[in-house]
All heavy atoms as atom14 arrays in JSON, in Angstrom:
{
  "sequence": "VLSGFFSGSETALTAASRGKLRAQADKGSRGATRALKITEDNERLI",
  "atom14_mask": [
    [1, 1, 1, 1, 1, 1, 1, 0, 0, 0, 0, 0, 0, 0],
    [1, 1, 1, 1, 1, 1, 1, 1, 0, 0, 0, 0, 0, 0],
    [1, 1, 1, 1, 1, 1, 0, 0, 0, 0, 0, 0, 0, 0],
    [1, 1, 1, 1, 0, 0, 0, 0, 0, 0, 0, 0, 0, 0],
    [1, 1, 1, 1, 1, 1, 1, 1, 1, 1, 1, 0, 0, 0],
    [1, 1, 1, 1, 1, 1, 1, 1, 1, 1, 1, 0, 0, 0],
    [1, 1, 1, 1, 1, 1, 0, 0, 0, 0, 0, 0, 0, 0],
    [1, 1, 1, 1, 0, 0, 0, 0, 0, 0, 0, 0, 0, 0],
    [1, 1, 1, 1, 1, 1, 0, 0, 0, 0, 0, 0, 0, 0],
    [1, 1, 1, 1, 1, 1, 1, 1, 1, 0, 0, 0, 0, 0],
    [1, 1, 1, 1, 1, 1, 1, 0, 0, 0, 0, 0, 0, 0],
    [1, 1, 1, 1, 1, 0, 0, 0, 0, 0, 0, 0, 0, 0],
    [1, 1, 1, 1, 1, 1, 1, 1, 0, 0, 0, 0, 0, 0],
    [1, 1, 1, 1, 1, 1, 1, 0, 0, 0, 0, 0, 0, 0],
    [1, 1, 1, 1, 1, 0, 0, 0, 0, 0, 0, 0, 0, 0],
    [1, 1, 1, 1, 1, 0, 0, 0, 0, 0, 0, 0, 0, 0],
    [1, 1, 1, 1, 1, 1, 0, 0, 0, 0, 0, 0, 0, 0],
    [1, 1, 1, 1, 1, 1, 1, 1, 1, 1, 1, 0, 0, 0],
    [1, 1, 1, 1, 0, 0, 0, 0, 0, 0, 0, 0, 0, 0],
    [1, 1, 1, 1, 1, 1, 1, 1, 1, 0, 0, 0, 0, 0],
    [1, 1, 1, 1, 1, 1, 1, 1, 0, 0, 0, 0, 0, 0],
    [1, 1, 1, 1, 1, 1, 1, 1, 1, 1, 1, 0, 0, 0],
    [1, 1, 1, 1, 1, 0, 0, 0, 0, 0, 0, 0, 0, 0],
    [1, 1, 1, 1, 1, 1, 1, 1, 1, 0, 0, 0, 0, 0],
    [1, 1, 1, 1, 1, 0, 0, 0, 0, 0, 0, 0, 0, 0],
    [1, 1, 1, 1, 1, 1, 1, 1, 0, 0, 0, 0, 0, 0],
    [1, 1, 1, 1, 1, 1, 1, 1, 1, 0, 0, 0, 0, 0],
    [1, 1, 1, 1, 0, 0, 0, 0, 0, 0, 0, 0, 0, 0],
    [1, 1, 1, 1, 1, 1, 0, 0, 0, 0, 0, 0, 0, 0],
    [1, 1, 1, 1, 1, 1, 1, 1, 1, 1, 1, 0, 0, 0],
    [1, 1, 1, 1, 0, 0, 0, 0, 0, 0, 0, 0, 0, 0],
    [1, 1, 1, 1, 1, 0, 0, 0, 0, 0, 0, 0, 0, 0],
    [1, 1, 1, 1, 1, 1, 1, 0, 0, 0, 0, 0, 0, 0],
    [1, 1, 1, 1, 1, 1, 1, 1, 1, 1, 1, 0, 0, 0],
    [1, 1, 1, 1, 1, 0, 0, 0, 0, 0, 0, 0, 0, 0],
    [1, 1, 1, 1, 1, 1, 1, 1, 0, 0, 0, 0, 0, 0],
    [1, 1, 1, 1, 1, 1, 1, 1, 1, 0, 0, 0, 0, 0],
    [1, 1, 1, 1, 1, 1, 1, 1, 0, 0, 0, 0, 0, 0],
    [1, 1, 1, 1, 1, 1, 1, 0, 0, 0, 0, 0, 0, 0],
    [1, 1, 1, 1, 1, 1, 1, 1, 1, 0, 0, 0, 0, 0],
    [1, 1, 1, 1, 1, 1, 1, 1, 0, 0, 0, 0, 0, 0],
    [1, 1, 1, 1, 1, 1, 1, 1, 0, 0, 0, 0, 0, 0],
    [1, 1, 1, 1, 1, 1, 1, 1, 1, 0, 0, 0, 0, 0],
    [1, 1, 1, 1, 1, 1, 1, 1, 1, 1, 1, 0, 0, 0],
    [1, 1, 1, 1, 1, 1, 1, 1, 0, 0, 0, 0, 0, 0],
    [1, 1, 1, 1, 1, 1, 1, 1, 0, 0, 0, 0, 0, 0]
  ],
  "atom14_positions": [
    [[-8.62, -11.55, -14.44], [-7.55, -11.64, -13.43], [-6.95, -10.26, -13.17], [-6.71, -9.88, -12.02], [-6.47, -12.64, -13.89], [-5.27, -12.59, -12.94], [-7.04, -14.05, -13.94], [0.0, 0.0, 0.0], [0.0, 0.0, 0.0], [0.0, 0.0, 0.0], [0.0, 0.0, 0.0], [0.0, 0.0, 0.0], [0.0, 0.0, 0.0], [0.0, 0.0, 0.0]],
    [[-6.71, -9.5, -14.26], [-6.19, -8.14, -14.1], [-7.17, -7.26, -13.34], [-6.77, -6.47, -12.48], [-5.89, -7.53, -15.48], [-4.61, -7.98, -16.18], [-4.49, -7.26, -17.53], [-3.39, -7.69, -15.33], [0.0, 0.0, 0.0], [0.0, 0.0, 0.0], [0.0, 0.0, 0.0], [0.0, 0.0, 0.0], [0.0, 0.0, 0.0], [0.0, 0.0, 0.0]],
    [[-8.46, -7.4, -13.65], [-9.48, -6.61, -12.96], [-9.49, -6.93, -11.46], [-9.58, -6.04, -10.62], [-10.86, -6.87, -13.57], [-11.86, -6.14, -12.87], [0.0, 0.0, 0.0], [0.0, 0.0, 0.0], [0.0, 0.0, 0.0], [0.0, 0.0, 0.0], [0.0, 0.0, 0.0], [0.0, 0.0, 0.0], [0.0, 0.0, 0.0], [0.0, 0.0, 0.0]],
    [[-9.41, -8.23, -11.15], [-9.34, -8.63, -9.75], [-8.1, -8.09, -9.05], [-8.14, -7.69, -7.89], [0.0, 0.0, 0.0], [0.0, 0.0, 0.0], [0.0, 0.0, 0.0], [0.0, 0.0, 0.0], [0.0, 0.0, 0.0], [0.0, 0.0, 0.0], [0.0, 0.0, 0.0], [0.0, 0.0, 0.0], [0.0, 0.0, 0.0], [0.0, 0.0, 0.0]],
    [[-7.0, -8.06, -9.79], [-5.76, -7.51, -9.24], [-5.92, -6.03, -8.91], [-5.52, -5.58, -7.83], [-4.62, -7.72, -10.24], [-3.38, -6.94, -9.91], [-2.54, -7.34, -8.9], [-3.07, -5.78, -10.63], [-1.4, -6.6, -8.59], [-1.94, -5.05, -10.33], [-1.1, -5.46, -9.32], [0.0, 0.0, 0.0], [0.0, 0.0, 0.0], [0.0, 0.0, 0.0]],
    [[-6.48, -5.26, -9.84], [-6.67, -3.83, -9.61], [-7.64, -3.58, -8.45], [-7.4, -2.71, -7.6], [-7.18, -3.14, -10.88], [-6.12, -2.92, -11.92], [-6.27, -3.44, -13.21], [-4.97, -2.22, -11.62], [-5.29, -3.25, -14.17], [-3.99, -2.02, -12.59], [-4.15, -2.54, -13.87], [0.0, 0.0, 0.0], [0.0, 0.0, 0.0], [0.0, 0.0, 0.0]],
    [[-8.74, -4.34, -8.41], [-9.72, -4.16, -7.35], [-9.12, -4.49, -5.98], [-9.29, -3.75, -5.01], [-10.95, -5.02, -7.61], [-11.6, -4.65, -8.81], [0.0, 0.0, 0.0], [0.0, 0.0, 0.0], [0.0, 0.0, 0.0], [0.0, 0.0, 0.0], [0.0, 0.0, 0.0], [0.0, 0.0, 0.0], [0.0, 0.0, 0.0], [0.0, 0.0, 0.0]],
    [[-8.44, -5.63, -5.92], [-7.82, -6.01, -4.65], [-6.72, -5.06, -4.22], [-6.58, -4.75, -3.03], [0.0, 0.0, 0.0], [0.0, 0.0, 0.0], [0.0, 0.0, 0.0], [0.0, 0.0, 0.0], [0.0, 0.0, 0.0], [0.0, 0.0, 0.0], [0.0, 0.0, 0.0], [0.0, 0.0, 0.0], [0.0, 0.0, 0.0], [0.0, 0.0, 0.0]],
    [[-5.94, -4.56, -5.17], [-4.88, -3.62, -4.86], [-5.43, -2.31, -4.31], [-4.89, -1.75, -3.34], [-4.04, -3.34, -6.11], [-3.45, -4.53, -6.59], [0.0, 0.0, 0.0], [0.0, 0.0, 0.0], [0.0, 0.0, 0.0], [0.0, 0.0, 0.0], [0.0, 0.0, 0.0], [0.0, 0.0, 0.0], [0.0, 0.0, 0.0], [0.0, 0.0, 0.0]],
    [[-6.49, -1.83, -4.93], [-7.11, -0.6, -4.45], [-7.57, -0.75, -3.0], [-7.32, 0.11, -2.15], [-8.3, -0.23, -5.34], [-9.05, 1.02, -4.87], [-10.35, 1.22, -5.61], [-10.68, 0.38, -6.48], [-11.07, 2.2, -5.3], [0.0, 0.0, 0.0], [0.0, 0.0, 0.0], [0.0, 0.0, 0.0], [0.0, 0.0, 0.0], [0.0, 0.0, 0.0]],
    [[-8.25, -1.86, -2.71], [-8.74, -2.09, -1.35], [-7.6, -2.26, -0.37], [-7.61, -1.69, 0.73], [-9.64, -3.34, -1.32], [-10.75, -3.14, -2.21], [-10.15, -3.6, 0.08], [0.0, 0.0, 0.0], [0.0, 0.0, 0.0], [0.0, 0.0, 0.0], [0.0, 0.0, 0.0], [0.0, 0.0, 0.0], [0.0, 0.0, 0.0], [0.0, 0.0, 0.0]],
    [[-6.58, -3.02, -0.74], [-5.46, -3.27, 0.17], [-4.71, -1.99, 0.49], [-4.39, -1.71, 1.65], [-4.52, -4.3, -0.45], [0.0, 0.0, 0.0], [0.0, 0.0, 0.0], [0.0, 0.0, 0.0], [0.0, 0.0, 0.0], [0.0, 0.0, 0.0], [0.0, 0.0, 0.0], [0.0, 0.0, 0.0], [0.0, 0.0, 0.0], [0.0, 0.0, 0.0]],
    [[-4.42, -1.18, -0.51], [-3.62, 0.02, -0.31], [-4.38, 1.11, 0.43], [-3.77, 1.93, 1.14], [-3.12, 0.55, -1.65], [-2.05, -0.33, -2.33], [-1.82, 0.1, -3.77], [-0.74, -0.27, -1.55], [0.0, 0.0, 0.0], [0.0, 0.0, 0.0], [0.0, 0.0, 0.0], [0.0, 0.0, 0.0], [0.0, 0.0, 0.0], [0.0, 0.0, 0.0]],
    [[-5.69, 1.17, 0.27], [-6.48, 2.17, 0.98], [-6.88, 1.72, 2.37], [-7.07, 2.56, 3.26], [-7.75, 2.54, 0.18], [-8.5, 1.34, -0.12], [-7.38, 3.24, -1.12], [0.0, 0.0, 0.0], [0.0, 0.0, 0.0], [0.0, 0.0, 0.0], [0.0, 0.0, 0.0], [0.0, 0.0, 0.0], [0.0, 0.0, 0.0], [0.0, 0.0, 0.0]],
    [[-7.01, 0.42, 2.58], [-7.41, -0.09, 3.88], [-6.24, -0.38, 4.8], [-6.41, -0.48, 6.02], [-8.24, -1.37, 3.71], [0.0, 0.0, 0.0], [0.0, 0.0, 0.0], [0.0, 0.0, 0.0], [0.0, 0.0, 0.0], [0.0, 0.0, 0.0], [0.0, 0.0, 0.0], [0.0, 0.0, 0.0], [0.0, 0.0, 0.0], [0.0, 0.0, 0.0]],
    [[-5.05, -0.51, 4.26], [-3.88, -0.84, 5.07], [-3.56, 0.28, 6.04], [-3.64, 1.47, 5.71], [-2.67, -1.11, 4.17], [0.0, 0.0, 0.0], [0.0, 0.0, 0.0], [0.0, 0.0, 0.0], [0.0, 0.0, 0.0], [0.0, 0.0, 0.0], [0.0, 0.0, 0.0], [0.0, 0.0, 0.0], [0.0, 0.0, 0.0], [0.0, 0.0, 0.0]],
    [[-3.22, -0.08, 7.25], [-2.84, 0.88, 8.27], [-1.42, 1.39, 8.0], [-0.48, 0.6, 7.89], [-2.89, 0.24, 9.66], [-2.29, 1.06, 10.63], [0.0, 0.0, 0.0], [0.0, 0.0, 0.0], [0.0, 0.0, 0.0], [0.0, 0.0, 0.0], [0.0, 0.0, 0.0], [0.0, 0.0, 0.0], [0.0, 0.0, 0.0], [0.0, 0.0, 0.0]],
    [[-1.29, 2.71, 7.89], [0.03, 3.28, 7.64], [0.96, 3.04, 8.84], [2.18, 2.93, 8.67], [-0.09, 4.78, 7.34], [-0.75, 5.07, 6.0], [-0.74, 6.56, 5.67], [0.6, 7.12, 5.58], [1.38, 7.06, 4.52], [0.94, 6.46, 3.43], [2.59, 7.59, 4.52], [0.0, 0.0, 0.0], [0.0, 0.0, 0.0], [0.0, 0.0, 0.0]],
    [[0.36, 2.95, 10.03], [1.17, 2.66, 11.19], [1.79, 1.27, 11.13], [2.98, 1.08, 11.43], [0.0, 0.0, 0.0], [0.0, 0.0, 0.0], [0.0, 0.0, 0.0], [0.0, 0.0, 0.0], [0.0, 0.0, 0.0], [0.0, 0.0, 0.0], [0.0, 0.0, 0.0], [0.0, 0.0, 0.0], [0.0, 0.0, 0.0], [0.0, 0.0, 0.0]],
    [[0.99, 0.28, 10.72], [1.5, -1.08, 10.6], [2.5, -1.19, 9.45], [3.5, -1.9, 9.56], [0.35, -2.06, 10.4], [-0.57, -2.19, 11.61], [-1.68, -3.2, 11.35], [-2.58, -3.34, 12.57], [-3.69, -4.31, 12.34], [0.0, 0.0, 0.0], [0.0, 0.0, 0.0], [0.0, 0.0, 0.0], [0.0, 0.0, 0.0], [0.0, 0.0, 0.0]],
    [[2.22, -0.49, 8.35], [3.17, -0.49, 7.24], [4.5, 0.14, 7.66], [5.57, -0.33, 7.27], [2.58, 0.26, 6.04], [1.43, -0.43, 5.29], [0.89, 0.48, 4.2], [1.9, -1.75, 4.66], [0.0, 0.0, 0.0], [0.0, 0.0, 0.0], [0.0, 0.0, 0.0], [0.0, 0.0, 0.0], [0.0, 0.0, 0.0], [0.0, 0.0, 0.0]],
    [[4.43, 1.22, 8.44], [5.64, 1.86, 8.92], [6.44, 0.91, 9.8], [7.68, 0.84, 9.71], [5.29, 3.14, 9.7], [6.48, 3.8, 10.39], [7.59, 4.16, 9.43], [7.13, 5.13, 8.45], [7.85, 5.52, 7.42], [9.05, 4.97, 7.22], [7.36, 6.4, 6.56], [0.0, 0.0, 0.0], [0.0, 0.0, 0.0], [0.0, 0.0, 0.0]],
    [[5.73, 0.15, 10.66], [6.42, -0.81, 11.53], [7.11, -1.9, 10.7], [8.24, -2.29, 10.99], [5.42, -1.44, 12.5], [0.0, 0.0, 0.0], [0.0, 0.0, 0.0], [0.0, 0.0, 0.0], [0.0, 0.0, 0.0], [0.0, 0.0, 0.0], [0.0, 0.0, 0.0], [0.0, 0.0, 0.0], [0.0, 0.0, 0.0], [0.0, 0.0, 0.0]],
    [[6.43, -2.37, 9.65], [7.04, -3.38, 8.78], [8.21, -2.8, 8.0], [9.22, -3.48, 7.8], [5.98, -3.93, 7.82], [4.88, -4.74, 8.49], [3.84, -5.26, 7.51], [4.05, -5.22, 6.28], [2.72, -5.73, 8.02], [0.0, 0.0, 0.0], [0.0, 0.0, 0.0], [0.0, 0.0, 0.0], [0.0, 0.0, 0.0], [0.0, 0.0, 0.0]],
    [[8.06, -1.55, 7.56], [9.15, -0.9, 6.82], [10.39, -0.73, 7.71], [11.52, -0.9, 7.25], [8.68, 0.45, 6.28], [0.0, 0.0, 0.0], [0.0, 0.0, 0.0], [0.0, 0.0, 0.0], [0.0, 0.0, 0.0], [0.0, 0.0, 0.0], [0.0, 0.0, 0.0], [0.0, 0.0, 0.0], [0.0, 0.0, 0.0], [0.0, 0.0, 0.0]],
    [[10.17, -0.4, 8.97], [11.28, -0.25, 9.91], [12.0, -1.57, 10.14], [13.18, -1.58, 10.52], [10.78, 0.32, 11.23], [10.31, 1.76, 11.11], [10.71, 2.43, 10.12], [9.53, 2.22, 11.96], [0.0, 0.0, 0.0], [0.0, 0.0, 0.0], [0.0, 0.0, 0.0], [0.0, 0.0, 0.0], [0.0, 0.0, 0.0], [0.0, 0.0, 0.0]],
    [[11.29, -2.67, 9.94], [11.9, -3.98, 10.09], [12.6, -4.46, 8.82], [13.14, -5.57, 8.79], [10.84, -5.0, 10.52], [10.25, -4.75, 11.9], [9.19, -5.78, 12.24], [8.59, -5.51, 13.62], [7.52, -6.5, 13.95], [0.0, 0.0, 0.0], [0.0, 0.0, 0.0], [0.0, 0.0, 0.0], [0.0, 0.0, 0.0], [0.0, 0.0, 0.0]],
    [[12.55, -3.65, 7.75], [13.27, -3.98, 6.53], [12.41, -4.43, 5.38], [12.94, -4.86, 4.35], [0.0, 0.0, 0.0], [0.0, 0.0, 0.0], [0.0, 0.0, 0.0], [0.0, 0.0, 0.0], [0.0, 0.0, 0.0], [0.0, 0.0, 0.0], [0.0, 0.0, 0.0], [0.0, 0.0, 0.0], [0.0, 0.0, 0.0], [0.0, 0.0, 0.0]],
    [[11.08, -4.35, 5.49], [10.2, -4.78, 4.41], [10.2, -3.75, 3.29], [9.71, -2.63, 3.46], [8.77, -4.99, 4.94], [7.88, -5.29, 3.88], [0.0, 0.0, 0.0], [0.0, 0.0, 0.0], [0.0, 0.0, 0.0], [0.0, 0.0, 0.0], [0.0, 0.0, 0.0], [0.0, 0.0, 0.0], [0.0, 0.0, 0.0], [0.0, 0.0, 0.0]],
    [[10.73, -4.12, 2.12], [10.75, -3.2, 0.98], [9.36, -2.97, 0.42], [9.04, -1.87, -0.04], [11.67, -3.76, -0.11], [13.15, -3.84, 0.31], [14.01, -4.33, -0.84], [15.41, -4.39, -0.45], [16.39, -4.78, -1.27], [16.1, -5.15, -2.53], [17.64, -4.79, -0.84], [0.0, 0.0, 0.0], [0.0, 0.0, 0.0], [0.0, 0.0, 0.0]],
    [[8.53, -4.04, 0.44], [7.16, -3.9, -0.05], [6.39, -2.88, 0.77], [5.65, -2.06, 0.22], [0.0, 0.0, 0.0], [0.0, 0.0, 0.0], [0.0, 0.0, 0.0], [0.0, 0.0, 0.0], [0.0, 0.0, 0.0], [0.0, 0.0, 0.0], [0.0, 0.0, 0.0], [0.0, 0.0, 0.0], [0.0, 0.0, 0.0], [0.0, 0.0, 0.0]],
    [[6.53, -2.93, 2.09], [5.85, -1.96, 2.95], [6.36, -0.55, 2.7], [5.59, 0.42, 2.72], [6.04, -2.35, 4.42], [0.0, 0.0, 0.0], [0.0, 0.0, 0.0], [0.0, 0.0, 0.0], [0.0, 0.0, 0.0], [0.0, 0.0, 0.0], [0.0, 0.0, 0.0], [0.0, 0.0, 0.0], [0.0, 0.0, 0.0], [0.0, 0.0, 0.0]],
    [[7.67, -0.42, 2.44], [8.24, 0.9, 2.14], [7.64, 1.47, 0.86], [7.28, 2.65, 0.8], [9.76, 0.8, 2.02], [10.31, 0.24, 3.23], [10.37, 2.17, 1.78], [0.0, 0.0, 0.0], [0.0, 0.0, 0.0], [0.0, 0.0, 0.0], [0.0, 0.0, 0.0], [0.0, 0.0, 0.0], [0.0, 0.0, 0.0], [0.0, 0.0, 0.0]],
    [[7.55, 0.62, -0.19], [6.95, 1.08, -1.45], [5.47, 1.41, -1.25], [4.97, 2.39, -1.81], [7.1, 0.01, -2.52], [8.51, -0.1, -3.1], [8.5, -0.98, -4.35], [8.1, -2.34, -4.04], [8.95, -3.32, -3.72], [10.25, -3.07, -3.69], [8.51, -4.53, -3.46], [0.0, 0.0, 0.0], [0.0, 0.0, 0.0], [0.0, 0.0, 0.0]],
    [[4.76, 0.6, -0.46], [3.35, 0.86, -0.21], [3.15, 2.2, 0.48], [2.23, 2.95, 0.16], [2.75, -0.27, 0.63], [0.0, 0.0, 0.0], [0.0, 0.0, 0.0], [0.0, 0.0, 0.0], [0.0, 0.0, 0.0], [0.0, 0.0, 0.0], [0.0, 0.0, 0.0], [0.0, 0.0, 0.0], [0.0, 0.0, 0.0], [0.0, 0.0, 0.0]],
    [[4.01, 2.52, 1.45], [3.93, 3.81, 2.13], [4.16, 4.96, 1.15], [3.48, 5.99, 1.21], [4.96, 3.88, 3.25], [4.62, 3.17, 4.56], [5.82, 3.17, 5.49], [3.43, 3.84, 5.25], [0.0, 0.0, 0.0], [0.0, 0.0, 0.0], [0.0, 0.0, 0.0], [0.0, 0.0, 0.0], [0.0, 0.0, 0.0], [0.0, 0.0, 0.0]],
    [[5.11, 4.77, 0.24], [5.44, 5.83, -0.7], [4.3, 6.11, -1.68], [3.96, 7.27, -1.93], [6.71, 5.46, -1.47], [7.22, 6.56, -2.39], [8.52, 6.17, -3.06], [9.03, 7.29, -3.97], [10.31, 6.92, -4.63], [0.0, 0.0, 0.0], [0.0, 0.0, 0.0], [0.0, 0.0, 0.0], [0.0, 0.0, 0.0], [0.0, 0.0, 0.0]],
    [[3.69, 5.05, -2.22], [2.65, 5.26, -3.23], [1.34, 5.69, -2.6], [0.47, 6.25, -3.3], [2.43, 4.01, -4.09], [1.98, 2.81, -3.24], [3.69, 3.67, -4.87], [1.71, 1.56, -4.08], [0.0, 0.0, 0.0], [0.0, 0.0, 0.0], [0.0, 0.0, 0.0], [0.0, 0.0, 0.0], [0.0, 0.0, 0.0], [0.0, 0.0, 0.0]],
    [[1.14, 5.46, -1.3], [-0.09, 5.9, -0.64], [0.01, 7.33, -0.11], [-0.95, 7.84, 0.46], [-0.46, 4.96, 0.52], [0.65, 4.81, 1.41], [-0.89, 3.6, -0.01], [0.0, 0.0, 0.0], [0.0, 0.0, 0.0], [0.0, 0.0, 0.0], [0.0, 0.0, 0.0], [0.0, 0.0, 0.0], [0.0, 0.0, 0.0], [0.0, 0.0, 0.0]],
    [[1.15, 7.97, -0.28], [1.28, 9.37, 0.13], [0.37, 10.27, -0.69], [-0.11, 11.28, -0.19], [2.74, 9.82, 0.0], [3.66, 9.18, 1.02], [5.1, 9.6, 0.84], [5.38, 10.32, -0.16], [5.96, 9.24, 1.68], [0.0, 0.0, 0.0], [0.0, 0.0, 0.0], [0.0, 0.0, 0.0], [0.0, 0.0, 0.0], [0.0, 0.0, 0.0]],
    [[0.16, 9.91, -1.95], [-0.75, 10.66, -2.82], [-1.9, 9.73, -3.2], [-1.89, 9.08, -4.24], [-0.03, 11.16, -4.07], [-0.86, 12.14, -4.89], [-2.08, 12.27, -4.62], [-0.3, 12.78, -5.81], [0.0, 0.0, 0.0], [0.0, 0.0, 0.0], [0.0, 0.0, 0.0], [0.0, 0.0, 0.0], [0.0, 0.0, 0.0], [0.0, 0.0, 0.0]],
    [[-2.92, 9.67, -2.33], [-4.03, 8.76, -2.56], [-4.81, 9.1, -3.82], [-5.35, 8.22, -4.49], [-4.97, 8.78, -1.35], [-4.53, 7.82, -0.26], [-3.91, 6.79, -0.54], [-4.86, 8.14, 0.98], [0.0, 0.0, 0.0], [0.0, 0.0, 0.0], [0.0, 0.0, 0.0], [0.0, 0.0, 0.0], [0.0, 0.0, 0.0], [0.0, 0.0, 0.0]],
    [[-4.89, 10.38, -4.13], [-5.65, 10.8, -5.3], [-5.04, 10.22, -6.58], [-5.74, 9.7, -7.45], [-5.71, 12.32, -5.37], [-6.69, 12.84, -6.43], [-6.77, 14.35, -6.44], [-6.07, 15.0, -5.63], [-7.53, 14.9, -7.25], [0.0, 0.0, 0.0], [0.0, 0.0, 0.0], [0.0, 0.0, 0.0], [0.0, 0.0, 0.0], [0.0, 0.0, 0.0]],
    [[-3.72, 10.31, -6.71], [-3.06, 9.77, -7.88], [-3.13, 8.25, -7.9], [-3.32, 7.62, -8.95], [-1.6, 10.22, -7.92], [-0.87, 9.83, -9.21], [0.51, 10.43, -9.29], [1.41, 9.84, -8.29], [2.72, 10.01, -8.3], [3.28, 10.75, -9.23], [3.47, 9.45, -7.35], [0.0, 0.0, 0.0], [0.0, 0.0, 0.0], [0.0, 0.0, 0.0]],
    [[-2.98, 7.63, -6.73], [-3.05, 6.17, -6.63], [-4.41, 5.65, -7.08], [-4.5, 4.76, -7.93], [-2.76, 5.74, -5.2], [-3.06, 4.27, -4.86], [-2.17, 3.34, -5.66], [-2.92, 4.02, -3.36], [0.0, 0.0, 0.0], [0.0, 0.0, 0.0], [0.0, 0.0, 0.0], [0.0, 0.0, 0.0], [0.0, 0.0, 0.0], [0.0, 0.0, 0.0]],
    [[-5.46, 6.2, -6.5], [-6.81, 5.74, -6.84], [-7.13, 6.01, -8.3], [-7.74, 5.18, -8.98], [-7.84, 6.41, -5.91], [-7.62, 5.92, -4.47], [-9.26, 6.1, -6.36], [-8.49, 6.61, -3.45], [0.0, 0.0, 0.0], [0.0, 0.0, 0.0], [0.0, 0.0, 0.0], [0.0, 0.0, 0.0], [0.0, 0.0, 0.0], [0.0, 0.0, 0.0]]
  ]
}
C-alpha cells in the first residue's frame, strides 16, 4: 500500500498541470497550494 502511495504520488505531482493547480490554489485549495510548493524543486521531490 505504501509503495502504491509513493508511485501514485510521484505520477500525480509530476503530471499535474501547474496552471490548473494555481487556479485551484487561487480558489482557496490548501492541497493545491502545498502541491505547487513541493513541485518547485522537482529534483528533491522525486
